[in-house]
C-alpha cells in the first residue's frame, strides 16, 4: 500500500528575494530565489516532481 507523506514548505519573503526551507522529517534550507512569479513557479514544479 502506498502512503502519501506530506511535505511542508516555508517561505520568508522580502522585496527582492524569497528564502525557502522544506521539512520532510528534517528541516532543510534550500536557499533563496528571486521574488518573481516565474522563479516561484519553477520552484513549485521542482518540488512537485519529487
Protein backbone atom coordinates (compact mmCIF):
# COMPACT_ATOMS: atom_id res chain seq x y z
CA UNK A 1 0.00 0.00 0.00
CA UNK A 2 1.35 3.41 -0.97
CA UNK A 3 1.45 6.12 1.71
CA UNK A 4 1.20 9.77 0.91
CA UNK A 5 3.58 11.73 3.13
CA UNK A 6 3.15 15.50 3.37
CA UNK A 7 5.92 17.98 2.86
CA UNK A 8 5.95 21.40 4.47
CA UNK A 9 7.43 24.34 2.56
CA UNK A 10 8.27 27.60 4.34
CA UNK A 11 8.92 30.84 2.53
CA UNK A 12 10.21 34.05 4.09
CA UNK A 13 9.67 36.90 1.68
CA UNK A 14 11.10 40.35 1.28
CA UNK A 15 11.05 42.84 -1.57
CA UNK A 16 13.86 41.21 -3.58
CA UNK A 17 14.15 37.55 -2.52
CA UNK A 18 12.35 34.58 -1.01
CA UNK A 19 14.17 32.26 1.41
CA UNK A 20 12.89 28.67 1.06
CA UNK A 21 13.02 25.75 3.51
CA UNK A 22 11.48 22.27 3.26
CA UNK A 23 10.51 19.91 6.10
CA UNK A 24 10.42 16.22 5.20
CA UNK A 25 11.15 14.72 8.59
CA UNK A 26 14.07 17.11 8.97
CA UNK A 27 14.18 20.78 8.01
CA UNK A 28 16.47 21.76 5.13
CA UNK A 29 17.23 25.28 3.92
CA UNK A 30 17.07 25.24 0.12
CA UNK A 31 18.35 28.76 -0.42
CA UNK A 32 16.95 31.95 -1.88
CA UNK A 33 15.11 32.63 -5.11
CA UNK A 34 14.25 35.96 -6.71
CA UNK A 35 10.89 37.41 -5.66
CA UNK A 36 9.34 36.89 -9.12
CA UNK A 37 6.40 34.77 -10.26
CA UNK A 38 8.48 32.75 -12.75
CA UNK A 39 11.02 31.81 -10.05
CA UNK A 40 8.24 30.66 -7.68
CA UNK A 41 6.62 28.64 -10.49
CA UNK A 42 9.95 26.93 -11.25
CA UNK A 43 10.45 26.12 -7.54
CA UNK A 44 6.96 24.60 -7.24
CA UNK A 45 7.48 22.50 -10.37
CA UNK A 46 10.80 21.24 -8.99
CA UNK A 47 9.27 20.33 -5.62
CA UNK A 48 6.22 18.67 -7.24
CA UNK A 49 8.42 16.44 -9.40
CA UNK A 50 9.93 14.83 -6.30
